[in-house]
Amino acid sequence: MSGTDFLESMARASQERVATARTRLSENALLKQAQATAPPPSLIRGGGGFDLIAELKLRSPALGQLRAPASEDPARRALSYAEAGAAAVSVLTEPACFDGSLEHLSAASSALRAMRVPAMRKDFLVDPYQVVEARAAGAGGVLIILRMLSRPQLEELCSAARACGLFALLEAFDEADIELAHELVDSLVSQEPPAPRIAPGRSANSRVRPEMARVQWLIGVNCRDLTTLQVVPGRLEALVGLLPTQIPRVAESGVATAADAGRIAAAGYDFALVGSALMSGADPRALAHEMIVAGRRARQQWI
């Protein structure tokens, strides 16, 4: 199966799930549910220049079963990630290839609320209905795959994310995706309110910390080959210089150790999204913390 075929099959299955969901709950009813749900925590960057989005996924198409569904507690795992210092928790909701569900997202979101850490819905989203589903489940963000959708569809999903108060991670795989990302990001950023002015008493020359600000948009590079589903060595470093600079940059896949986190932070990434290594590791909380420490140390040296 080619990479295009894989995404097309995921998109078709996602459309079918949306159609089924609409027969069970109308869009108006779903909107009411979302509006009745407490506002989710915002994605806030830490002060060290590098942050972690830790992922909950039970199965990987590349690696197979990572955790048995019956033995996994999404709420407990999400809390362990937050306690390690993760800025957000990514939750797979795709059922066929990843054993995910909206119930996992709801459980993680509820557990994380007290710690003010957002959950992100990671799925093959094709319809604004699914963005509202994420908001109704308590999520604070969504993943949007650039390769899989037309420009109008991408704009529609981004508009839905903005309307729901969610952050969005725009996922790219190659140079063509990144070219599209530049156009989309320029449009999105131009619609955002201006940055706050320097507080009274603070000199314009004082060191400011924009990384502490609330994040609305992120741009990520997934370094998996969509045909083989294997990590492509060097792709993260090769593409980081091409990414838009107005928004934080995220390294996706290929980060398995603290050394990897330090490497991609030194290359210029602001976040790492890590799933398989944490899900298969013996002590995911410790590994998550080690990645954050290594990334921030490397980032400070890089700056």
Protein backbone atom coordinates (compact mmCIF):
# COMPACT_ATOMS: atom_id res chain seq x y z
CA MET A 1 0.00 0.00 0.00
CA SER A 2 1.44 3.41 -0.94
CA GLY A 3 1.51 6.36 1.42
CA THR A 4 -1.21 8.05 -0.59
CA ASP A 5 -3.34 4.90 -0.43
CA PHE A 6 -2.83 4.69 3.34
CA LEU A 7 -4.02 8.26 3.92
CA GLU A 8 -6.86 7.85 1.45
CA SER A 9 -8.05 4.71 3.21
CA MET A 10 -7.82 6.46 6.58
CA ALA A 11 -9.76 9.43 5.18
CA ARG A 12 -12.51 7.18 3.80
CA ALA A 13 -12.83 5.36 7.11
CA SER A 14 -12.93 8.69 8.91
CA GLN A 15 -15.71 9.94 6.65
CA GLU A 16 -17.67 6.78 7.39
CA ARG A 17 -17.24 7.33 11.13
CA VAL A 18 -18.51 10.89 10.77
CA ALA A 19 -21.55 9.72 8.83
CA THR A 20 -22.33 7.14 11.48
CA ALA A 21 -21.83 9.63 14.29
CA ARG A 22 -24.25 12.07 12.66
CA THR A 23 -26.97 9.41 12.61
CA ARG A 24 -26.56 9.08 16.37
CA LEU A 25 -26.13 12.75 17.26
CA SER A 26 -26.97 15.75 15.11
CA GLU A 27 -24.48 18.55 14.64
CA ASN A 28 -26.70 20.93 16.64
CA ALA A 29 -26.93 18.47 19.51
CA LEU A 30 -23.16 17.95 19.41
CA LEU A 31 -22.60 21.72 19.47
CA LYS A 32 -24.78 21.96 22.57
CA GLN A 33 -22.69 19.27 24.23
CA ALA A 34 -19.49 21.11 23.36
CA GLN A 35 -20.88 24.41 24.64
CA ALA A 36 -21.87 22.73 27.91
CA THR A 37 -18.36 21.36 28.41
CA ALA A 38 -16.02 23.47 30.54
CA PRO A 39 -13.35 25.34 28.54
CA PRO A 40 -10.25 23.16 28.15
CA PRO A 41 -6.81 24.18 29.40
CA SER A 42 -4.73 26.15 26.91
CA LEU A 43 -1.45 24.88 25.54
CA ILE A 44 1.21 26.92 27.33
CA ARG A 45 4.88 26.59 26.55
CA GLY A 46 7.27 26.12 29.43
CA GLY A 47 10.19 28.39 30.20
CA GLY A 48 12.99 26.20 28.91
CA GLY A 49 12.56 26.61 25.16
CA PHE A 50 11.58 22.97 24.59
CA ASP A 51 8.46 21.02 25.50
CA LEU A 52 6.97 17.57 25.15
CA ILE A 53 3.64 16.38 23.77
CA ALA A 54 3.37 12.87 25.22
CA GLU A 55 1.13 10.41 23.43
CA LEU A 56 -1.35 7.75 24.42
CA LYS A 57 -1.78 5.09 21.75
CA LEU A 58 -2.41 1.39 22.21
CA ARG A 59 -1.37 0.19 18.76
CA SER A 60 1.00 1.40 16.04
CA PRO A 61 0.68 0.28 12.40
CA ALA A 62 4.49 0.18 12.29
CA LEU A 63 5.14 -1.60 15.59
CA GLY A 64 1.94 -3.48 16.33
CA GLN A 65 0.32 -3.72 19.77
CA LEU A 66 1.96 -1.44 22.32
CA ARG A 67 -0.41 -1.94 25.24
CA ALA A 68 -3.33 -4.29 25.78
CA PRO A 69 -6.56 -2.24 25.86
CA ALA A 70 -7.89 -4.17 28.86
CA SER A 71 -4.86 -3.32 31.00
CA GLU A 72 -4.40 0.32 30.02
CA ASP A 73 -5.82 3.20 32.09
CA PRO A 74 -5.88 6.34 29.88
CA ALA A 75 -6.48 8.68 32.82
CA ARG A 76 -3.60 7.31 34.86
CA ARG A 77 -1.19 7.42 31.93
CA ALA A 78 -2.20 10.98 31.03
CA LEU A 79 -1.59 12.07 34.61
CA SER A 80 1.84 10.40 34.66
CA TYR A 81 2.80 12.35 31.54
CA ALA A 82 1.58 15.63 33.05
CA GLU A 83 3.44 14.94 36.29
CA ALA A 84 6.62 14.43 34.25
CA GLY A 85 6.17 17.93 32.80
CA ALA A 86 4.48 17.30 29.44
CA ALA A 87 2.87 20.43 27.99
CA ALA A 88 0.08 18.39 26.38
CA VAL A 89 -1.06 14.80 25.96
CA SER A 90 -1.89 13.48 22.49
CA VAL A 91 -4.62 10.84 22.47
CA LEU A 92 -5.24 8.56 19.47
CA THR A 93 -8.95 8.20 18.75
CA GLU A 94 -8.71 6.21 15.48
CA PRO A 95 -10.15 2.75 16.24
CA ALA A 96 -9.09 0.42 13.41
CA CYS A 97 -5.30 0.83 13.27
CA PHE A 98 -4.57 2.41 16.65
CA ASP A 99 -7.23 0.91 18.98
CA GLY A 100 -8.23 4.44 19.94
CA SER A 101 -11.55 5.95 20.97
CA LEU A 102 -13.21 9.17 22.03
CA GLU A 103 -13.68 7.55 25.44
CA HIS A 104 -9.89 7.53 25.87
CA LEU A 105 -9.84 11.22 24.99
CA SER A 106 -12.60 12.03 27.49
CA ALA A 107 -10.87 10.08 30.27
CA ALA A 108 -7.52 11.76 29.62
CA SER A 109 -9.07 15.23 29.33
CA SER A 110 -10.95 14.84 32.62
CA ALA A 111 -7.85 13.63 34.44
CA LEU A 112 -5.67 16.44 33.07
CA ARG A 113 -8.07 19.30 33.81
CA ALA A 114 -6.95 19.79 37.41
CA MET A 115 -3.32 20.05 36.24
CA ARG A 116 -4.21 22.59 33.54
CA VAL A 117 -2.67 20.40 30.82
CA PRO A 118 -4.61 20.01 27.55
CA ALA A 119 -5.31 16.80 25.69
CA MET A 120 -5.05 16.76 21.89
CA ARG A 121 -7.20 14.61 19.63
CA LYS A 122 -4.95 12.77 17.18
CA ASP A 123 -6.87 11.22 14.32
CA PHE A 124 -7.41 11.44 10.59
CA LEU A 125 -9.82 14.37 10.79
CA VAL A 126 -11.78 15.21 7.66
CA ASP A 127 -14.82 17.14 8.91
CA PRO A 128 -15.42 20.04 11.33
CA TYR A 129 -17.90 17.75 13.11
CA GLN A 130 -14.86 15.85 14.44
CA VAL A 131 -13.30 19.04 15.79
CA VAL A 132 -16.51 19.71 17.72
CA GLU A 133 -16.45 16.07 18.91
CA ALA A 134 -12.97 16.73 20.30
CA ARG A 135 -14.19 19.85 22.11
CA ALA A 136 -17.18 17.98 23.54
CA ALA A 137 -14.79 15.29 24.82
CA GLY A 138 -12.82 17.96 26.69
CA ALA A 139 -9.84 18.23 24.34
CA GLY A 140 -7.79 21.38 24.09
CA GLY A 141 -6.34 20.68 20.65
CA VAL A 142 -6.50 18.66 17.43
CA LEU A 143 -4.10 17.29 14.84
CA ILE A 144 -4.70 18.30 11.19
CA ILE A 145 -2.84 16.38 8.46
CA LEU A 146 -1.90 18.73 5.62
CA ARG A 147 -1.27 15.98 3.04
CA MET A 148 -4.72 14.48 3.40
CA LEU A 149 -6.98 17.48 2.71
CA SER A 150 -7.59 20.22 0.16
CA ARG A 151 -6.84 23.84 1.03
CA PRO A 152 -10.56 24.66 1.56
CA GLN A 153 -10.94 21.62 3.83
CA LEU A 154 -7.88 22.64 5.84
CA GLU A 155 -9.21 26.16 6.24
CA GLU A 156 -12.56 24.77 7.35
CA LEU A 157 -10.97 22.58 10.02
CA CYS A 158 -8.75 25.42 11.23
CA SER A 159 -11.76 27.73 11.46
CA ALA A 160 -13.57 25.09 13.50
CA ALA A 161 -10.58 24.75 15.83
CA ARG A 162 -10.45 28.51 16.33
CA ALA A 163 -14.20 28.69 16.97
CA CYS A 164 -13.92 25.89 19.55
CA GLY A 165 -10.93 27.53 21.26
CA LEU A 166 -8.60 24.65 20.39
CA PHE A 167 -4.98 24.67 19.34
CA ALA A 168 -4.12 22.85 16.12
CA LEU A 169 -0.99 20.94 15.15
CA LEU A 170 -0.54 21.06 11.36
CA GLU A 171 1.31 17.92 10.29
CA ALA A 172 3.66 17.88 7.29
CA PHE A 173 5.59 15.00 5.74
CA ASP A 174 7.69 16.67 3.04
CA GLU A 175 8.61 19.85 1.21
CA ALA A 176 5.30 20.05 -0.67
CA ASP A 177 3.37 19.90 2.59
CA ILE A 178 5.59 22.59 4.06
CA GLU A 179 5.01 24.86 1.08
CA LEU A 180 1.29 24.58 1.67
CA ALA A 181 1.86 25.13 5.39
CA HIS A 182 3.53 28.48 4.71
CA GLU A 183 0.47 29.73 2.84
CA LEU A 184 -1.91 28.43 5.48
CA VAL A 185 0.11 29.70 8.45
CA ASP A 186 0.49 33.17 6.93
CA SER A 187 -3.30 33.33 6.63
CA LEU A 188 -3.93 31.96 10.13
CA VAL A 189 -1.41 34.20 11.89
CA SER A 190 -2.72 37.30 10.11
CA GLN A 191 -6.13 36.62 11.67
CA GLU A 192 -4.77 36.40 15.23
CA PRO A 193 -4.99 39.40 17.59
CA PRO A 194 -1.76 41.38 18.05
CA ALA A 195 0.67 40.29 20.73
CA PRO A 196 0.22 42.00 24.10
CA ARG A 197 2.27 45.10 24.74
CA ILE A 198 5.21 45.07 27.12
CA ALA A 199 3.96 45.38 30.68
CA PRO A 200 4.35 48.77 32.43
CA GLY A 201 7.74 49.11 34.02
CA ARG A 202 9.39 46.59 31.70
CA SER A 203 12.01 47.94 29.36
CA ALA A 204 11.66 47.16 25.67
CA ASN A 205 15.19 45.77 25.93
CA SER A 206 14.29 43.40 28.78
CA ARG A 207 14.44 39.70 28.06
CA VAL A 208 10.95 38.60 27.07
CA ARG A 209 9.71 35.05 27.13
CA PRO A 210 7.34 34.52 24.19
CA GLU A 211 7.58 30.78 24.79
CA MET A 212 5.38 31.26 27.86
CA ALA A 213 2.50 32.46 25.70
CA ARG A 214 -0.64 30.50 24.87
CA VAL A 215 -0.17 28.49 21.66
CA GLN A 216 -2.87 28.44 18.97
CA TRP A 217 -1.04 26.92 16.00
CA LEU A 218 1.90 24.54 15.66
CA ILE A 219 3.64 23.08 12.62
CA GLY A 220 5.06 19.56 12.80
CA VAL A 221 7.18 17.24 10.69
CA ASN A 222 6.32 13.56 10.79
CA CYS A 223 9.46 11.74 9.71
CA ARG A 224 7.80 8.42 8.92
CA ASP A 225 7.81 7.20 5.35
CA LEU A 226 4.14 6.72 4.51
CA THR A 227 4.85 3.70 2.31
CA THR A 228 7.05 1.68 4.69
CA LEU A 229 5.85 3.39 7.91
CA GLN A 230 9.49 3.41 9.01
CA VAL A 231 11.29 6.44 10.44
CA VAL A 232 13.51 8.16 7.87
CA PRO A 233 16.84 9.10 9.53
CA GLY A 234 17.78 12.73 9.08
CA ARG A 235 14.40 13.91 7.77
CA LEU A 236 13.65 16.00 10.87
CA GLU A 237 16.94 17.87 10.59
CA ALA A 238 16.65 18.21 6.80
CA LEU A 239 13.22 19.87 6.95
CA VAL A 240 13.36 22.02 10.08
CA GLY A 241 14.93 24.96 8.24
CA LEU A 242 12.06 25.02 5.75
CA LEU A 243 9.31 25.34 8.35
CA PRO A 244 7.40 28.56 9.09
CA THR A 245 9.04 30.45 11.92
CA GLN A 246 5.97 32.33 13.20
CA ILE A 247 4.71 29.34 15.17
CA PRO A 248 6.34 26.56 17.25
CA ARG A 249 7.88 23.63 15.41
CA VAL A 250 7.19 20.03 16.42
CA ALA A 251 9.26 16.91 15.72
CA GLU A 252 6.98 13.90 15.26
CA SER A 253 8.22 10.31 15.30
CA GLY A 254 11.84 9.29 15.50
CA VAL A 255 12.33 10.50 19.10
CA ALA A 256 12.89 7.49 21.34
CA THR A 257 15.52 8.58 23.87
CA ALA A 258 16.63 11.62 25.85
CA ALA A 259 19.56 11.93 23.43
CA ASP A 260 17.12 12.09 20.53
CA ALA A 261 15.23 14.88 22.29
CA GLY A 262 18.44 16.82 22.75
CA ARG A 263 19.35 16.31 19.12
CA ILE A 264 16.10 17.61 17.68
CA ALA A 265 15.99 20.50 20.16
CA ALA A 266 19.48 21.51 19.03
CA ALA A 267 18.24 21.31 15.42
CA GLY A 268 15.62 23.96 16.19
CA TYR A 269 12.44 22.14 17.20
CA ASP A 270 10.38 23.62 20.03
CA PHE A 271 8.40 20.45 20.81
CA ALA A 272 8.69 16.72 20.38
CA LEU A 273 5.62 14.52 20.02
CA VAL A 274 6.55 11.12 21.43
CA GLY A 275 4.30 8.08 21.51
CA SER A 276 5.74 4.62 20.85
CA ALA A 277 8.81 5.02 23.07
CA LEU A 278 6.69 6.14 26.01
CA MET A 279 4.01 3.51 25.47
CA SER A 280 6.51 0.65 25.26
CA GLY A 281 8.93 1.90 27.91
CA ALA A 282 9.15 0.44 31.41
CA ASP A 283 9.01 3.86 33.10
CA PRO A 284 7.27 6.36 30.79
CA ARG A 285 7.14 9.10 33.43
CA ALA A 286 10.91 8.99 33.94
CA LEU A 287 11.59 8.86 30.20
CA ALA A 288 9.29 11.82 29.54
CA HIS A 289 11.07 13.87 32.20
CA GLU A 290 14.50 12.91 30.86
CA MET A 291 13.47 13.99 27.36
CA ILE A 292 12.28 17.38 28.57
CA VAL A 293 15.47 17.98 30.57
CA ALA A 294 17.72 16.93 27.68
CA GLY A 295 15.79 19.00 25.17
CA ARG A 296 15.87 22.13 27.31
CA ARG A 297 19.55 21.75 28.04
CA ALA A 298 20.32 21.41 24.32
CA ARG A 299 17.99 24.25 23.43
CA GLN A 300 19.67 26.64 25.85
CA GLN A 301 23.06 25.77 24.39
CA TRP A 302 21.67 26.22 20.88
CA ILE A 303 20.26 29.66 21.71
